[in-house]
Amino acid sequence: MSDYAADIAKYTSNVNQAAVAAIVKYCGIALRNPDSAVVALSDGKEIATVRDGFAAKKLGLAADAAETALKSVAEKMKGNNRKSRVTVYYLLAEATGTLAKLA
């Protein structure tokens, strides 16, 4: 869990440990596979998966709000070729003001 928090801390301050734990629990077994543990924010199919999955189901975001926030997250994480799914989800929730829904 601390590895996820350390990665998130590269992009934001005051990491909410309860929110990180909720995201890890939500992702579950997907985090065990190296390919599904990362998000390709340059891939439209991957963005649709995040938008229609986590953003809509867990955060209750509309598609346009989720896509706008994902663009912001992609810009923030620019230069990182292996974007952790947990970090992307955390930053998405933070960018949309829905972090409290996780903790």
PDB file of N, CA and C in Angstrom:
ATOM      1  N   MET A   1       0.825  -1.192   0.000  1.00  0.00           N
ATOM      2  CA  MET A   1       0.000   0.000   0.000  1.00  0.00           C
ATOM      3  C   MET A   1       0.865   1.250   0.000  1.00  0.00           C
ATOM      4  N   SER A   2       1.992   1.180   0.696  1.00  0.00           N
ATOM      5  CA  SER A   2       2.860   2.348   0.773  1.00  0.00           C
ATOM      6  C   SER A   2       3.488   2.682  -0.575  1.00  0.00           C
ATOM      7  N   ASP A   3       3.706   1.668  -1.428  1.00  0.00           N
ATOM      8  CA  ASP A   3       4.240   1.924  -2.767  1.00  0.00           C
ATOM      9  C   ASP A   3       3.264   2.770  -3.583  1.00  0.00           C
ATOM     10  N   TYR A   4       1.981   2.456  -3.464  1.00  0.00           N
ATOM     11  CA  TYR A   4       0.962   3.230  -4.177  1.00  0.00           C
ATOM     12  C   TYR A   4       0.924   4.664  -3.647  1.00  0.00           C
ATOM     13  N   ALA A   5       0.953   4.805  -2.349  1.00  0.00           N
ATOM     14  CA  ALA A   5       0.912   6.141  -1.735  1.00  0.00           C
ATOM     15  C   ALA A   5       2.147   6.945  -2.138  1.00  0.00           C
ATOM     16  N   ALA A   6       3.297   6.312  -2.196  1.00  0.00           N
ATOM     17  CA  ALA A   6       4.528   7.003  -2.591  1.00  0.00           C
ATOM     18  C   ALA A   6       4.438   7.476  -4.039  1.00  0.00           C
ATOM     19  N   ASP A   7       3.855   6.649  -4.907  1.00  0.00           N
ATOM     20  CA  ASP A   7       3.697   7.047  -6.306  1.00  0.00           C
ATOM     21  C   ASP A   7       2.715   8.216  -6.419  1.00  0.00           C
ATOM     22  N   ILE A   8       1.630   8.165  -5.696  1.00  0.00           N
ATOM     23  CA  ILE A   8       0.639   9.247  -5.706  1.00  0.00           C
ATOM     24  C   ILE A   8       1.252  10.534  -5.174  1.00  0.00           C
ATOM     25  N   ALA A   9       2.095  10.416  -4.164  1.00  0.00           N
ATOM     26  CA  ALA A   9       2.723  11.590  -3.544  1.00  0.00           C
ATOM     27  C   ALA A   9       3.626  12.352  -4.515  1.00  0.00           C
ATOM     28  N   LYS A  10       4.030  11.717  -5.611  1.00  0.00           N
ATOM     29  CA  LYS A  10       4.828  12.412  -6.622  1.00  0.00           C
ATOM     30  C   LYS A  10       4.009  13.496  -7.317  1.00  0.00           C
ATOM     31  N   TYR A  11       2.684  13.350  -7.287  1.00  0.00           N
ATOM     32  CA  TYR A  11       1.803  14.240  -8.041  1.00  0.00           C
ATOM     33  C   TYR A  11       0.889  15.107  -7.175  1.00  0.00           C
ATOM     34  N   THR A  12       0.781  14.792  -5.910  1.00  0.00           N
ATOM     35  CA  THR A  12      -0.107  15.539  -5.030  1.00  0.00           C
ATOM     36  C   THR A  12       0.394  15.438  -3.594  1.00  0.00           C
ATOM     37  N   SER A  13      -0.071  16.332  -2.758  1.00  0.00           N
ATOM     38  CA  SER A  13       0.326  16.271  -1.351  1.00  0.00           C
ATOM     39  C   SER A  13      -0.836  15.741  -0.519  1.00  0.00           C
ATOM     40  N   ASN A  14      -0.543  15.374   0.695  1.00  0.00           N
ATOM     41  CA  ASN A  14      -1.569  14.884   1.628  1.00  0.00           C
ATOM     42  C   ASN A  14      -2.370  13.720   1.056  1.00  0.00           C
ATOM     43  N   VAL A  15      -1.703  12.617   0.804  1.00  0.00           N
ATOM     44  CA  VAL A  15      -2.349  11.432   0.243  1.00  0.00           C
ATOM     45  C   VAL A  15      -3.295  10.826   1.285  1.00  0.00           C
ATOM     46  N   ASN A  16      -4.527  10.602   0.864  1.00  0.00           N
ATOM     47  CA  ASN A  16      -5.551  10.016   1.730  1.00  0.00           C
ATOM     48  C   ASN A  16      -5.407   8.494   1.681  1.00  0.00           C
ATOM     49  N   GLN A  17      -4.883   7.914   2.756  1.00  0.00           N
ATOM     50  CA  GLN A  17      -4.610   6.473   2.797  1.00  0.00           C
ATOM     51  C   GLN A  17      -5.884   5.636   2.660  1.00  0.00           C
ATOM     52  N   ALA A  18      -6.981   6.111   3.225  1.00  0.00           N
ATOM     53  CA  ALA A  18      -8.248   5.366   3.127  1.00  0.00           C
ATOM     54  C   ALA A  18      -8.720   5.311   1.680  1.00  0.00           C
ATOM     55  N   ALA A  19      -8.549   6.393   0.950  1.00  0.00           N
ATOM     56  CA  ALA A  19      -8.931   6.417  -0.464  1.00  0.00           C
ATOM     57  C   ALA A  19      -8.046   5.477  -1.274  1.00  0.00           C
ATOM     58  N   VAL A  20      -6.757   5.461  -0.971  1.00  0.00           N
ATOM     59  CA  VAL A  20      -5.834   4.546  -1.662  1.00  0.00           C
ATOM     60  C   VAL A  20      -6.266   3.102  -1.416  1.00  0.00           C
ATOM     61  N   ALA A  21      -6.577   2.779  -0.169  1.00  0.00           N
ATOM     62  CA  ALA A  21      -7.010   1.420   0.173  1.00  0.00           C
ATOM     63  C   ALA A  21      -8.300   1.053  -0.561  1.00  0.00           C
ATOM     64  N   ALA A  22      -9.224   2.003  -0.684  1.00  0.00           N
ATOM     65  CA  ALA A  22     -10.482   1.743  -1.387  1.00  0.00           C
ATOM     66  C   ALA A  22     -10.242   1.495  -2.873  1.00  0.00           C
ATOM     67  N   ILE A  23      -9.314   2.220  -3.463  1.00  0.00           N
ATOM     68  CA  ILE A  23      -9.000   2.027  -4.885  1.00  0.00           C
ATOM     69  C   ILE A  23      -8.342   0.668  -5.100  1.00  0.00           C
ATOM     70  N   VAL A  24      -7.408   0.316  -4.224  1.00  0.00           N
ATOM     71  CA  VAL A  24      -6.731  -0.982  -4.331  1.00  0.00           C
ATOM     72  C   VAL A  24      -7.760  -2.108  -4.205  1.00  0.00           C
ATOM     73  N   LYS A  25      -8.690  -1.959  -3.281  1.00  0.00           N
ATOM     74  CA  LYS A  25      -9.735  -2.971  -3.099  1.00  0.00           C
ATOM     75  C   LYS A  25     -10.623  -3.036  -4.348  1.00  0.00           C
ATOM     76  N   TYR A  26     -10.972  -1.890  -4.907  1.00  0.00           N
ATOM     77  CA  TYR A  26     -11.808  -1.842  -6.111  1.00  0.00           C
ATOM     78  C   TYR A  26     -11.117  -2.539  -7.285  1.00  0.00           C
ATOM     79  N   CYS A  27      -9.837  -2.277  -7.456  1.00  0.00           N
ATOM     80  CA  CYS A  27      -9.079  -2.859  -8.577  1.00  0.00           C
ATOM     81  C   CYS A  27      -8.849  -4.350  -8.389  1.00  0.00           C
ATOM     82  N   GLY A  28      -8.673  -4.756  -7.157  1.00  0.00           N
ATOM     83  CA  GLY A  28      -8.530  -6.173  -6.831  1.00  0.00           C
ATOM     84  C   GLY A  28      -7.459  -6.894  -7.607  1.00  0.00           C
ATOM     85  N   ILE A  29      -7.850  -7.999  -8.187  1.00  0.00           N
ATOM     86  CA  ILE A  29      -6.925  -8.903  -8.859  1.00  0.00           C
ATOM     87  C   ILE A  29      -6.266  -8.269 -10.085  1.00  0.00           C
ATOM     88  N   ALA A  30      -6.865  -7.238 -10.648  1.00  0.00           N
ATOM     89  CA  ALA A  30      -6.288  -6.572 -11.824  1.00  0.00           C
ATOM     90  C   ALA A  30      -4.893  -6.024 -11.538  1.00  0.00           C
ATOM     91  N   LEU A  31      -4.622  -5.702 -10.290  1.00  0.00           N
ATOM     92  CA  LEU A  31      -3.317  -5.143  -9.941  1.00  0.00           C
ATOM     93  C   LEU A  31      -2.213  -6.192  -9.934  1.00  0.00           C
ATOM     94  N   ARG A  32      -2.571  -7.453  -9.985  1.00  0.00           N
ATOM     95  CA  ARG A  32      -1.564  -8.514 -10.000  1.00  0.00           C
ATOM     96  C   ARG A  32      -0.941  -8.706 -11.375  1.00  0.00           C
ATOM     97  N   ASN A  33      -1.664  -8.309 -12.404  1.00  0.00           N
ATOM     98  CA  ASN A  33      -1.188  -8.449 -13.776  1.00  0.00           C
ATOM     99  C   ASN A  33      -0.470  -7.155 -14.169  1.00  0.00           C
ATOM    100  N   PRO A  34       0.802  -7.230 -14.557  1.00  0.00           N
ATOM    101  CA  PRO A  34       1.546  -6.010 -14.899  1.00  0.00           C
ATOM    102  C   PRO A  34       0.888  -5.157 -15.984  1.00  0.00           C
ATOM    103  N   ASP A  35       0.198  -5.797 -16.925  1.00  0.00           N
ATOM    104  CA  ASP A  35      -0.430  -5.046 -18.000  1.00  0.00           C
ATOM    105  C   ASP A  35      -1.674  -4.297 -17.519  1.00  0.00           C
ATOM    106  N   SER A  36      -2.489  -4.932 -16.705  1.00  0.00           N
ATOM    107  CA  SER A  36      -3.718  -4.285 -16.243  1.00  0.00           C
ATOM    108  C   SER A  36      -3.478  -3.384 -15.030  1.00  0.00           C
ATOM    109  N   ALA A  37      -2.294  -3.425 -14.459  1.00  0.00           N
ATOM    110  CA  ALA A  37      -1.972  -2.567 -13.314  1.00  0.00           C
ATOM    111  C   ALA A  37      -1.597  -1.160 -13.752  1.00  0.00           C
ATOM    112  N   VAL A  38      -1.459  -0.956 -15.069  1.00  0.00           N
ATOM    113  CA  VAL A  38      -1.113   0.368 -15.596  1.00  0.00           C
ATOM    114  C   VAL A  38      -2.214   0.839 -16.554  1.00  0.00           C
ATOM    115  N   VAL A  39      -2.254   2.149 -16.774  1.00  0.00           N
ATOM    116  CA  VAL A  39      -3.258   2.739 -17.658  1.00  0.00           C
ATOM    117  C   VAL A  39      -2.539   3.481 -18.777  1.00  0.00           C
ATOM    118  N   ALA A  40      -2.953   3.213 -20.010  1.00  0.00           N
ATOM    119  CA  ALA A  40      -2.405   3.922 -21.169  1.00  0.00           C
ATOM    120  C   ALA A  40      -3.348   5.080 -21.487  1.00  0.00           C
ATOM    121  N   LEU A  41      -3.037   6.253 -20.968  1.00  0.00           N
ATOM    122  CA  LEU A  41      -3.917   7.404 -21.143  1.00  0.00           C
ATOM    123  C   LEU A  41      -3.860   7.998 -22.549  1.00  0.00           C
ATOM    124  N   SER A  42      -3.033   7.436 -23.412  1.00  0.00           N
ATOM    125  CA  SER A  42      -3.000   7.877 -24.810  1.00  0.00           C
ATOM    126  C   SER A  42      -3.863   6.974 -25.691  1.00  0.00           C
ATOM    127  N   ASP A  43      -4.427   5.939 -25.097  1.00  0.00           N
ATOM    128  CA  ASP A  43      -5.249   4.967 -25.823  1.00  0.00           C
ATOM    129  C   ASP A  43      -6.729   5.260 -25.577  1.00  0.00           C
ATOM    130  N   GLY A  44      -7.461   5.579 -26.627  1.00  0.00           N
ATOM    131  CA  GLY A  44      -8.878   5.902 -26.509  1.00  0.00           C
ATOM    132  C   GLY A  44      -9.707   4.797 -25.888  1.00  0.00           C
ATOM    133  N   LYS A  45      -9.364   3.548 -26.204  1.00  0.00           N
ATOM    134  CA  LYS A  45     -10.094   2.405 -25.638  1.00  0.00           C
ATOM    135  C   LYS A  45      -9.883   2.326 -24.129  1.00  0.00           C
ATOM    136  N   GLU A  46      -8.666   2.580 -23.706  1.00  0.00           N
ATOM    137  CA  GLU A  46      -8.347   2.542 -22.273  1.00  0.00           C
ATOM    138  C   GLU A  46      -9.063   3.675 -21.532  1.00  0.00           C
ATOM    139  N   ILE A  47      -9.089   4.855 -22.143  1.00  0.00           N
ATOM    140  CA  ILE A  47      -9.788   5.993 -21.537  1.00  0.00           C
ATOM    141  C   ILE A  47     -11.277   5.674 -21.400  1.00  0.00           C
ATOM    142  N   ALA A  48     -11.860   5.054 -22.412  1.00  0.00           N
ATOM    143  CA  ALA A  48     -13.273   4.669 -22.362  1.00  0.00           C
ATOM    144  C   ALA A  48     -13.523   3.666 -21.243  1.00  0.00           C
ATOM    145  N   THR A  49     -12.581   2.752 -21.042  1.00  0.00           N
ATOM    146  CA  THR A  49     -12.713   1.760 -19.978  1.00  0.00           C
ATOM    147  C   THR A  49     -12.721   2.439 -18.611  1.00  0.00           C
ATOM    148  N   VAL A  50     -11.810   3.370 -18.399  1.00  0.00           N
ATOM    149  CA  VAL A  50     -11.751   4.091 -17.121  1.00  0.00           C
ATOM    150  C   VAL A  50     -12.995   4.965 -16.954  1.00  0.00           C
ATOM    151  N   ARG A  51     -13.365   5.658 -18.019  1.00  0.00           N
ATOM    152  CA  ARG A  51     -14.522   6.571 -17.991  1.00  0.00           C
ATOM    153  C   ARG A  51     -15.808   5.809 -17.666  1.00  0.00           C
ATOM    154  N   ASP A  52     -16.018   4.679 -18.352  1.00  0.00           N
ATOM    155  CA  ASP A  52     -17.262   3.931 -18.195  1.00  0.00           C
ATOM    156  C   ASP A  52     -17.250   2.985 -17.002  1.00  0.00           C
ATOM    157  N   GLY A  53     -16.069   2.714 -16.484  1.00  0.00           N
ATOM    158  CA  GLY A  53     -15.952   1.823 -15.336  1.00  0.00           C
ATOM    159  C   GLY A  53     -15.827   2.605 -14.043  1.00  0.00           C
ATOM    160  N   PHE A  54     -14.611   2.826 -13.628  1.00  0.00           N
ATOM    161  CA  PHE A  54     -14.342   3.490 -12.346  1.00  0.00           C
ATOM    162  C   PHE A  54     -15.003   4.856 -12.228  1.00  0.00           C
ATOM    163  N   ALA A  55     -14.837   5.707 -13.237  1.00  0.00           N
ATOM    164  CA  ALA A  55     -15.361   7.083 -13.151  1.00  0.00           C
ATOM    165  C   ALA A  55     -16.877   7.102 -13.023  1.00  0.00           C
ATOM    166  N   ALA A  56     -17.551   6.289 -13.808  1.00  0.00           N
ATOM    167  CA  ALA A  56     -19.013   6.288 -13.785  1.00  0.00           C
ATOM    168  C   ALA A  56     -19.573   5.497 -12.604  1.00  0.00           C
ATOM    169  N   LYS A  57     -19.052   4.298 -12.404  1.00  0.00           N
ATOM    170  CA  LYS A  57     -19.626   3.404 -11.394  1.00  0.00           C
ATOM    171  C   LYS A  57     -19.217   3.750  -9.968  1.00  0.00           C
ATOM    172  N   LYS A  58     -17.967   4.086  -9.758  1.00  0.00           N
ATOM    173  CA  LYS A  58     -17.484   4.334  -8.401  1.00  0.00           C
ATOM    174  C   LYS A  58     -17.585   5.809  -8.009  1.00  0.00           C
ATOM    175  N   LEU A  59     -17.313   6.701  -8.965  1.00  0.00           N
ATOM    176  CA  LEU A  59     -17.314   8.125  -8.649  1.00  0.00           C
ATOM    177  C   LEU A  59     -18.600   8.831  -9.067  1.00  0.00           C
ATOM    178  N   GLY A  60     -19.407   8.191  -9.899  1.00  0.00           N
ATOM    179  CA  GLY A  60     -20.661   8.786 -10.342  1.00  0.00           C
ATOM    180  C   GLY A  60     -20.489   9.957 -11.298  1.00  0.00           C
ATOM    181  N   LEU A  61     -19.426   9.937 -12.087  1.00  0.00           N
ATOM    182  CA  LEU A  61     -19.136  11.038 -12.998  1.00  0.00           C
ATOM    183  C   LEU A  61     -19.812  10.851 -14.360  1.00  0.00           C
ATOM    184  N   ALA A  62     -20.213  11.963 -14.947  1.00  0.00           N
ATOM    185  CA  ALA A  62     -20.709  11.951 -16.319  1.00  0.00           C
ATOM    186  C   ALA A  62     -19.504  11.751 -17.245  1.00  0.00           C
ATOM    187  N   ALA A  63     -19.748  11.237 -18.432  1.00  0.00           N
ATOM    188  CA  ALA A  63     -18.675  10.912 -19.370  1.00  0.00           C
ATOM    189  C   ALA A  63     -17.813  12.120 -19.710  1.00  0.00           C
ATOM    190  N   ASP A  64     -18.429  13.268 -19.953  1.00  0.00           N
ATOM    191  CA  ASP A  64     -17.645  14.445 -20.335  1.00  0.00           C
ATOM    192  C   ASP A  64     -16.782  14.954 -19.186  1.00  0.00           C
ATOM    193  N   ALA A  65     -17.303  14.907 -17.979  1.00  0.00           N
ATOM    194  CA  ALA A  65     -16.521  15.333 -16.810  1.00  0.00           C
ATOM    195  C   ALA A  65     -15.339  14.386 -16.586  1.00  0.00           C
ATOM    196  N   ALA A  66     -15.580  13.106 -16.765  1.00  0.00           N
ATOM    197  CA  ALA A  66     -14.512  12.115 -16.594  1.00  0.00           C
ATOM    198  C   ALA A  66     -13.418  12.306 -17.632  1.00  0.00           C
ATOM    199  N   GLU A  67     -13.796  12.531 -18.880  1.00  0.00           N
ATOM    200  CA  GLU A  67     -12.794  12.705 -19.936  1.00  0.00           C
ATOM    201  C   GLU A  67     -11.977  13.972 -19.738  1.00  0.00           C
ATOM    202  N   THR A  68     -12.620  15.037 -19.329  1.00  0.00           N
ATOM    203  CA  THR A  68     -11.905  16.289 -19.056  1.00  0.00           C
ATOM    204  C   THR A  68     -10.896  16.081 -17.931  1.00  0.00           C
ATOM    205  N   ALA A  69     -11.327  15.416 -16.874  1.00  0.00           N
ATOM    206  CA  ALA A  69     -10.435  15.157 -15.747  1.00  0.00           C
ATOM    207  C   ALA A  69      -9.299  14.217 -16.137  1.00  0.00           C
ATOM    208  N   LEU A  70      -9.588  13.232 -16.974  1.00  0.00           N
ATOM    209  CA  LEU A  70      -8.535  12.309 -17.414  1.00  0.00           C
ATOM    210  C   LEU A  70      -7.481  13.025 -18.244  1.00  0.00           C
ATOM    211  N   LYS A  71      -7.880  14.010 -19.018  1.00  0.00           N
ATOM    212  CA  LYS A  71      -6.907  14.806 -19.769  1.00  0.00           C
ATOM    213  C   LYS A  71      -5.999  15.552 -18.806  1.00  0.00           C
ATOM    214  N   SER A  72      -6.576  16.067 -17.737  1.00  0.00           N
ATOM    215  CA  SER A  72      -5.804  16.769 -16.711  1.00  0.00           C
ATOM    216  C   SER A  72      -4.824  15.820 -16.023  1.00  0.00           C
ATOM    217  N   VAL A  73      -5.286  14.625 -15.716  1.00  0.00           N
ATOM    218  CA  VAL A  73      -4.432  13.611 -15.084  1.00  0.00           C
ATOM    219  C   VAL A  73      -3.298  13.218 -16.032  1.00  0.00           C
ATOM    220  N   ALA A  74      -3.613  13.031 -17.301  1.00  0.00           N
ATOM    221  CA  ALA A  74      -2.590  12.671 -18.291  1.00  0.00           C
ATOM    222  C   ALA A  74      -1.521  13.750 -18.377  1.00  0.00           C
ATOM    223  N   GLU A  75      -1.935  15.005 -18.338  1.00  0.00           N
ATOM    224  CA  GLU A  75      -0.982  16.115 -18.387  1.00  0.00           C
ATOM    225  C   GLU A  75      -0.103  16.131 -17.135  1.00  0.00           C
ATOM    226  N   LYS A  76      -0.715  15.875 -15.992  1.00  0.00           N
ATOM    227  CA  LYS A  76       0.018  15.875 -14.724  1.00  0.00           C
ATOM    228  C   LYS A  76       1.053  14.748 -14.693  1.00  0.00           C
ATOM    229  N   MET A  77       0.710  13.601 -15.290  1.00  0.00           N
ATOM    230  CA  MET A  77       1.586  12.430 -15.259  1.00  0.00           C
ATOM    231  C   MET A  77       2.452  12.322 -16.520  1.00  0.00           C
ATOM    232  N   LYS A  78       2.453  13.353 -17.315  1.00  0.00           N
ATOM    233  CA  LYS A  78       3.227  13.377 -18.557  1.00  0.00           C
ATOM    234  C   LYS A  78       4.682  13.008 -18.273  1.00  0.00           C
ATOM    235  N   GLY A  79       5.246  12.181 -19.104  1.00  0.00           N
ATOM    236  CA  GLY A  79       6.631  11.763 -18.920  1.00  0.00           C
ATOM    237  C   GLY A  79       6.753  10.427 -18.208  1.00  0.00           C
ATOM    238  N   ASN A  80       5.683   9.974 -17.584  1.00  0.00           N
ATOM    239  CA  ASN A  80       5.681   8.670 -16.923  1.00  0.00           C
ATOM    240  C   ASN A  80       5.073   7.661 -17.891  1.00  0.00           C
ATOM    241  N   ASN A  81       5.884   6.733 -18.381  1.00  0.00           N
ATOM    242  CA  ASN A  81       5.414   5.765 -19.366  1.00  0.00           C
ATOM    243  C   ASN A  81       4.597   4.633 -18.764  1.00  0.00           C
ATOM    244  N   ARG A  82       4.736   4.398 -17.474  1.00  0.00           N
ATOM    245  CA  ARG A  82       3.980   3.331 -16.805  1.00  0.00           C
ATOM    246  C   ARG A  82       3.120   3.954 -15.713  1.00  0.00           C
ATOM    247  N   LYS A  83       1.957   4.411 -16.111  1.00  0.00           N
ATOM    248  CA  LYS A  83       1.051   5.100 -15.190  1.00  0.00           C
ATOM    249  C   LYS A  83       0.270   4.081 -14.370  1.00  0.00           C
ATOM    250  N   SER A  84       0.530   4.058 -13.092  1.00  0.00           N
ATOM    251  CA  SER A  84      -0.140   3.131 -12.185  1.00  0.00           C
ATOM    252  C   SER A  84      -1.647   3.374 -12.192  1.00  0.00           C
ATOM    253  N   ARG A  85      -2.409   2.303 -12.296  1.00  0.00           N
ATOM    254  CA  ARG A  85      -3.871   2.407 -12.286  1.00  0.00           C
ATOM    255  C   ARG A  85      -4.355   3.053 -10.992  1.00  0.00           C
ATOM    256  N   VAL A  86      -3.765   2.696  -9.879  1.00  0.00           N
ATOM    257  CA  VAL A  86      -4.171   3.264  -8.592  1.00  0.00           C
ATOM    258  C   VAL A  86      -3.913   4.770  -8.578  1.00  0.00           C
ATOM    259  N   THR A  87      -2.763   5.182  -9.067  1.00  0.00           N
ATOM    260  CA  THR A  87      -2.430   6.609  -9.102  1.00  0.00           C
ATOM    261  C   THR A  87      -3.372   7.375 -10.022  1.00  0.00           C
ATOM    262  N   VAL A  88      -3.645   6.832 -11.193  1.00  0.00           N
ATOM    263  CA  VAL A  88      -4.556   7.489 -12.130  1.00  0.00           C
ATOM    264  C   VAL A  88      -5.941   7.627 -11.505  1.00  0.00           C
ATOM    265  N   TYR A  89      -6.437   6.568 -10.891  1.00  0.00           N
ATOM    266  CA  TYR A  89      -7.762   6.617 -10.283  1.00  0.00           C
ATOM    267  C   TYR A  89      -7.794   7.637  -9.141  1.00  0.00           C
ATOM    268  N   TYR A  90      -6.744   7.661  -8.341  1.00  0.00           N
ATOM    269  CA  TYR A  90      -6.689   8.610  -7.220  1.00  0.00           C
ATOM    270  C   TYR A  90      -6.692  10.045  -7.746  1.00  0.00           C
ATOM    271  N   LEU A  91      -5.840  10.324  -8.708  1.00  0.00           N
ATOM    272  CA  LEU A  91      -5.759  11.681  -9.259  1.00  0.00           C
ATOM    273  C   LEU A  91      -7.050  12.082  -9.969  1.00  0.00           C
ATOM    274  N   LEU A  92      -7.727  11.124 -10.583  1.00  0.00           N
ATOM    275  CA  LEU A  92      -9.018  11.387 -11.214  1.00  0.00           C
ATOM    276  C   LEU A  92     -10.040  11.794 -10.148  1.00  0.00           C
ATOM    277  N   ALA A  93     -10.100  11.053  -9.069  1.00  0.00           N
ATOM    278  CA  ALA A  93     -11.031  11.384  -7.984  1.00  0.00           C
ATOM    279  C   ALA A  93     -10.694  12.726  -7.369  1.00  0.00           C
ATOM    280  N   GLU A  94      -9.417  12.999  -7.193  1.00  0.00           N
ATOM    281  CA  GLU A  94      -8.993  14.279  -6.623  1.00  0.00           C
ATOM    282  C   GLU A  94      -9.354  15.436  -7.557  1.00  0.00           C
ATOM    283  N   ALA A  95      -9.119  15.263  -8.857  1.00  0.00           N
ATOM    284  CA  ALA A  95      -9.387  16.317  -9.835  1.00  0.00           C
ATOM    285  C   ALA A  95     -10.864  16.639  -9.955  1.00  0.00           C
ATOM    286  N   THR A  96     -11.710  15.681  -9.660  1.00  0.00           N
ATOM    287  CA  THR A  96     -13.157  15.884  -9.801  1.00  0.00           C
ATOM    288  C   THR A  96     -13.842  16.152  -8.465  1.00  0.00           C
ATOM    289  N   GLY A  97     -13.067  16.249  -7.409  1.00  0.00           N
ATOM    290  CA  GLY A  97     -13.648  16.527  -6.093  1.00  0.00           C
ATOM    291  C   GLY A  97     -14.460  15.389  -5.529  1.00  0.00           C
ATOM    292  N   THR A  98     -14.187  14.175  -5.973  1.00  0.00           N
ATOM    293  CA  THR A  98     -14.946  13.018  -5.508  1.00  0.00           C
ATOM    294  C   THR A  98     -14.128  12.077  -4.625  1.00  0.00           C
ATOM    295  N   LEU A  99     -13.005  12.539  -4.146  1.00  0.00           N
ATOM    296  CA  LEU A  99     -12.129  11.714  -3.309  1.00  0.00           C
ATOM    297  C   LEU A  99     -12.857  11.219  -2.054  1.00  0.00           C
ATOM    298  N   ALA A 100     -13.729  12.046  -1.517  1.00  0.00           N
ATOM    299  CA  ALA A 100     -14.460  11.688  -0.299  1.00  0.00           C
ATOM    300  C   ALA A 100     -15.359  10.473  -0.494  1.00  0.00           C
ATOM    301  N   LYS A 101     -15.771  10.208  -1.730  1.00  0.00           N
ATOM    302  CA  LYS A 101     -16.608   9.034  -2.004  1.00  0.00           C
ATOM    303  C   LYS A 101     -15.844   7.736  -1.777  1.00  0.00           C
ATOM    304  N   LEU A 102     -14.532   7.809  -1.784  1.00  0.00           N
ATOM    305  CA  LEU A 102     -13.697   6.623  -1.644  1.00  0.00           C
ATOM    306  C   LEU A 102     -13.298   6.347  -0.209  1.00  0.00           C
ATOM    307  N   ALA A 103     -13.129   7.406   0.565  1.00  0.00           N
ATOM    308  CA  ALA A 103     -12.603   7.260   1.929  1.00  0.00           C
ATOM    309  C   ALA A 103     -13.696   7.024   2.934  1.00  0.00           C
TER     310      ALA A 103
END
